[in-house]
């Protein structure tokens, strides 16, 4: 699972496009994308799930708390 935060819908759209391009380049299929116009976008890449949140939405749902025991690798 990959969690990402964005500052705007425009930034989310750019991140979605980048993920789609990188998946295609590396032989991964994007199974589906849910919530393109919402504050939480979910990209299903089969064995990898990408969640893109606005900062407010990420704080609200606090997904990290559900997976507290899972190893975390922070990337900037």
N, C-alpha and C. Protein backbone atom coordinates (compact mmCIF):
# COMPACT_ATOMS: atom_id res chain seq x y z
N UNK A 1 0.84 -1.16 0.00
CA UNK A 1 0.00 0.00 0.00
C UNK A 1 0.89 1.23 0.00
N UNK A 2 0.53 2.19 -0.82
CA UNK A 2 1.23 3.47 -0.88
C UNK A 2 0.22 4.54 -0.52
N UNK A 3 0.59 5.42 0.42
CA UNK A 3 -0.24 6.55 0.81
C UNK A 3 0.47 7.82 0.40
N UNK A 4 -0.27 8.74 -0.22
CA UNK A 4 0.31 10.00 -0.66
C UNK A 4 -0.64 11.14 -0.34
N UNK A 5 -0.08 12.30 -0.06
CA UNK A 5 -0.87 13.50 0.20
C UNK A 5 -0.61 14.52 -0.89
N UNK A 6 -1.66 15.24 -1.26
CA UNK A 6 -1.55 16.30 -2.26
C UNK A 6 -2.20 17.57 -1.73
N UNK A 7 -1.84 18.69 -2.34
CA UNK A 7 -2.37 19.98 -1.91
C UNK A 7 -3.59 20.43 -2.70
N UNK A 8 -3.85 19.81 -3.86
CA UNK A 8 -4.95 20.27 -4.70
C UNK A 8 -5.40 19.16 -5.65
N UNK A 9 -6.57 19.35 -6.26
CA UNK A 9 -7.07 18.40 -7.26
C UNK A 9 -6.14 18.36 -8.47
N UNK A 10 -5.60 19.50 -8.83
CA UNK A 10 -4.67 19.55 -9.96
C UNK A 10 -3.44 18.70 -9.68
N UNK A 11 -2.91 18.81 -8.49
CA UNK A 11 -1.75 18.01 -8.12
C UNK A 11 -2.12 16.52 -8.10
N UNK A 12 -3.30 16.19 -7.61
CA UNK A 12 -3.76 14.80 -7.60
C UNK A 12 -3.84 14.26 -9.03
N UNK A 13 -4.37 15.05 -9.95
CA UNK A 13 -4.46 14.63 -11.35
C UNK A 13 -3.08 14.34 -11.93
N UNK A 14 -2.11 15.17 -11.58
CA UNK A 14 -0.74 14.96 -12.06
C UNK A 14 -0.14 13.68 -11.49
N UNK A 15 -0.39 13.43 -10.21
CA UNK A 15 0.12 12.21 -9.57
C UNK A 15 -0.53 10.98 -10.19
N UNK A 16 -1.83 11.04 -10.44
CA UNK A 16 -2.54 9.92 -11.07
C UNK A 16 -1.95 9.64 -12.45
N UNK A 17 -1.76 10.67 -13.25
CA UNK A 17 -1.20 10.49 -14.59
C UNK A 17 0.21 9.89 -14.52
N UNK A 18 1.00 10.36 -13.57
CA UNK A 18 2.36 9.83 -13.41
C UNK A 18 2.33 8.35 -13.04
N UNK A 19 1.46 7.99 -12.12
CA UNK A 19 1.36 6.58 -11.71
C UNK A 19 0.90 5.72 -12.88
N UNK A 20 -0.08 6.19 -13.64
CA UNK A 20 -0.54 5.44 -14.81
C UNK A 20 0.60 5.22 -15.80
N UNK A 21 1.36 6.28 -16.08
CA UNK A 21 2.49 6.19 -17.02
C UNK A 21 3.56 5.22 -16.52
N UNK A 22 3.93 5.34 -15.25
CA UNK A 22 4.97 4.48 -14.68
C UNK A 22 4.53 3.02 -14.63
N UNK A 23 3.28 2.79 -14.32
CA UNK A 23 2.77 1.41 -14.32
C UNK A 23 2.86 0.82 -15.73
N UNK A 24 2.45 1.59 -16.72
CA UNK A 24 2.50 1.11 -18.11
C UNK A 24 3.95 0.82 -18.52
N UNK A 25 4.87 1.71 -18.17
CA UNK A 25 6.29 1.52 -18.53
C UNK A 25 6.88 0.27 -17.89
N UNK A 26 6.38 -0.08 -16.70
CA UNK A 26 6.97 -1.18 -15.94
C UNK A 26 6.13 -2.46 -15.95
N UNK A 27 5.17 -2.52 -16.86
CA UNK A 27 4.40 -3.74 -17.05
C UNK A 27 3.33 -4.03 -16.02
N UNK A 28 2.89 -3.00 -15.30
CA UNK A 28 1.80 -3.16 -14.34
C UNK A 28 0.51 -2.66 -14.96
N UNK A 29 -0.57 -3.38 -14.73
CA UNK A 29 -1.88 -2.91 -15.18
C UNK A 29 -2.53 -2.12 -14.07
N UNK A 30 -3.16 -1.01 -14.42
CA UNK A 30 -3.99 -0.28 -13.47
C UNK A 30 -5.38 -0.88 -13.62
N UNK A 31 -5.81 -1.60 -12.60
CA UNK A 31 -7.09 -2.28 -12.64
C UNK A 31 -8.25 -1.28 -12.62
N UNK A 32 -8.17 -0.30 -11.71
CA UNK A 32 -9.21 0.72 -11.65
C UNK A 32 -8.71 1.93 -10.87
N UNK A 33 -9.39 3.05 -11.10
CA UNK A 33 -9.13 4.28 -10.36
C UNK A 33 -10.48 4.78 -9.87
N UNK A 34 -10.61 4.92 -8.56
CA UNK A 34 -11.86 5.36 -7.95
C UNK A 34 -11.68 6.74 -7.33
N UNK A 35 -12.68 7.60 -7.50
CA UNK A 35 -12.68 8.89 -6.83
C UNK A 35 -11.81 9.95 -7.46
N UNK A 36 -11.64 9.91 -8.77
CA UNK A 36 -10.76 10.88 -9.45
C UNK A 36 -11.01 12.33 -9.06
N UNK A 37 -12.24 12.68 -8.81
CA UNK A 37 -12.58 14.07 -8.50
C UNK A 37 -12.85 14.29 -7.01
N UNK A 38 -12.43 13.36 -6.17
CA UNK A 38 -12.72 13.48 -4.75
C UNK A 38 -11.44 13.77 -3.95
N UNK A 39 -11.59 13.86 -2.65
CA UNK A 39 -10.46 14.15 -1.77
C UNK A 39 -9.66 12.89 -1.43
N UNK A 40 -10.15 11.72 -1.89
CA UNK A 40 -9.43 10.46 -1.69
C UNK A 40 -9.55 9.65 -2.98
N UNK A 41 -8.43 9.47 -3.65
CA UNK A 41 -8.38 8.70 -4.90
C UNK A 41 -7.71 7.37 -4.60
N UNK A 42 -8.31 6.28 -5.07
CA UNK A 42 -7.75 4.95 -4.88
C UNK A 42 -7.39 4.38 -6.24
N UNK A 43 -6.13 3.97 -6.38
CA UNK A 43 -5.65 3.35 -7.62
C UNK A 43 -5.31 1.90 -7.32
N UNK A 44 -5.99 0.99 -8.01
CA UNK A 44 -5.78 -0.45 -7.82
C UNK A 44 -4.84 -0.95 -8.91
N UNK A 45 -3.62 -1.29 -8.52
CA UNK A 45 -2.61 -1.82 -9.44
C UNK A 45 -2.35 -3.30 -9.14
N UNK A 46 -3.41 -4.05 -8.91
CA UNK A 46 -3.35 -5.47 -8.55
C UNK A 46 -2.69 -5.67 -7.20
N UNK A 47 -1.39 -5.90 -7.15
CA UNK A 47 -0.72 -6.19 -5.88
C UNK A 47 -0.34 -4.94 -5.10
N UNK A 48 -0.52 -3.78 -5.69
CA UNK A 48 -0.21 -2.51 -5.03
C UNK A 48 -1.44 -1.62 -5.08
N UNK A 49 -1.81 -1.07 -3.93
CA UNK A 49 -2.91 -0.11 -3.86
C UNK A 49 -2.31 1.25 -3.51
N UNK A 50 -2.69 2.26 -4.28
CA UNK A 50 -2.21 3.62 -4.04
C UNK A 50 -3.40 4.47 -3.60
N UNK A 51 -3.28 5.12 -2.46
CA UNK A 51 -4.29 6.05 -1.98
C UNK A 51 -3.70 7.45 -2.01
N UNK A 52 -4.39 8.35 -2.68
CA UNK A 52 -3.95 9.74 -2.77
C UNK A 52 -5.01 10.58 -2.06
N UNK A 53 -4.58 11.28 -1.03
CA UNK A 53 -5.49 12.07 -0.20
C UNK A 53 -5.13 13.55 -0.26
N UNK A 54 -6.14 14.40 -0.05
CA UNK A 54 -5.81 15.76 0.35
C UNK A 54 -5.31 15.64 1.79
N UNK A 55 -4.56 16.60 2.25
CA UNK A 55 -4.02 16.53 3.61
C UNK A 55 -5.13 16.42 4.65
N UNK A 56 -6.21 17.17 4.45
CA UNK A 56 -7.32 17.14 5.40
C UNK A 56 -7.99 15.77 5.44
N UNK A 57 -8.18 15.18 4.28
CA UNK A 57 -8.82 13.86 4.19
C UNK A 57 -7.94 12.79 4.83
N UNK A 58 -6.64 12.89 4.60
CA UNK A 58 -5.72 11.91 5.19
C UNK A 58 -5.75 11.99 6.71
N UNK A 59 -5.77 13.19 7.25
CA UNK A 59 -5.86 13.36 8.70
C UNK A 59 -7.18 12.82 9.23
N UNK A 60 -8.26 13.08 8.51
CA UNK A 60 -9.59 12.64 8.93
C UNK A 60 -9.69 11.12 9.04
N UNK A 61 -9.22 10.41 8.03
CA UNK A 61 -9.35 8.95 8.01
C UNK A 61 -8.23 8.24 8.78
N UNK A 62 -7.09 8.87 8.94
CA UNK A 62 -5.97 8.33 9.72
C UNK A 62 -5.70 6.86 9.40
N UNK A 63 -5.55 6.56 8.12
CA UNK A 63 -5.31 5.19 7.66
C UNK A 63 -4.06 4.59 8.32
N UNK A 64 -3.07 5.42 8.59
CA UNK A 64 -1.83 4.93 9.18
C UNK A 64 -2.08 4.21 10.51
N UNK A 65 -3.10 4.65 11.25
CA UNK A 65 -3.40 4.03 12.54
C UNK A 65 -3.88 2.59 12.38
N UNK A 66 -4.53 2.28 11.28
CA UNK A 66 -5.01 0.92 11.03
C UNK A 66 -3.83 -0.02 10.82
N UNK A 67 -2.80 0.50 10.18
CA UNK A 67 -1.64 -0.32 9.82
C UNK A 67 -0.42 0.01 10.67
N UNK A 68 -0.62 0.29 11.95
CA UNK A 68 0.47 0.72 12.83
C UNK A 68 1.60 -0.30 12.93
N UNK A 69 1.31 -1.58 12.80
CA UNK A 69 2.33 -2.61 12.96
C UNK A 69 3.07 -2.96 11.67
N UNK A 70 2.67 -2.35 10.57
CA UNK A 70 3.29 -2.63 9.28
C UNK A 70 4.51 -1.72 9.11
N UNK A 71 5.63 -2.25 8.62
CA UNK A 71 6.82 -1.41 8.40
C UNK A 71 6.50 -0.25 7.45
N UNK A 72 7.03 0.91 7.76
CA UNK A 72 6.78 2.12 6.99
C UNK A 72 8.08 2.61 6.37
N UNK A 73 7.99 3.02 5.12
CA UNK A 73 9.13 3.65 4.45
C UNK A 73 8.63 5.00 3.95
N UNK A 74 9.12 6.08 4.54
CA UNK A 74 8.71 7.42 4.14
C UNK A 74 9.56 7.89 2.98
N UNK A 75 8.89 8.46 1.97
CA UNK A 75 9.56 8.97 0.78
C UNK A 75 9.07 10.38 0.54
N UNK A 76 9.98 11.29 0.27
CA UNK A 76 9.59 12.68 -0.03
C UNK A 76 9.78 12.98 -1.48
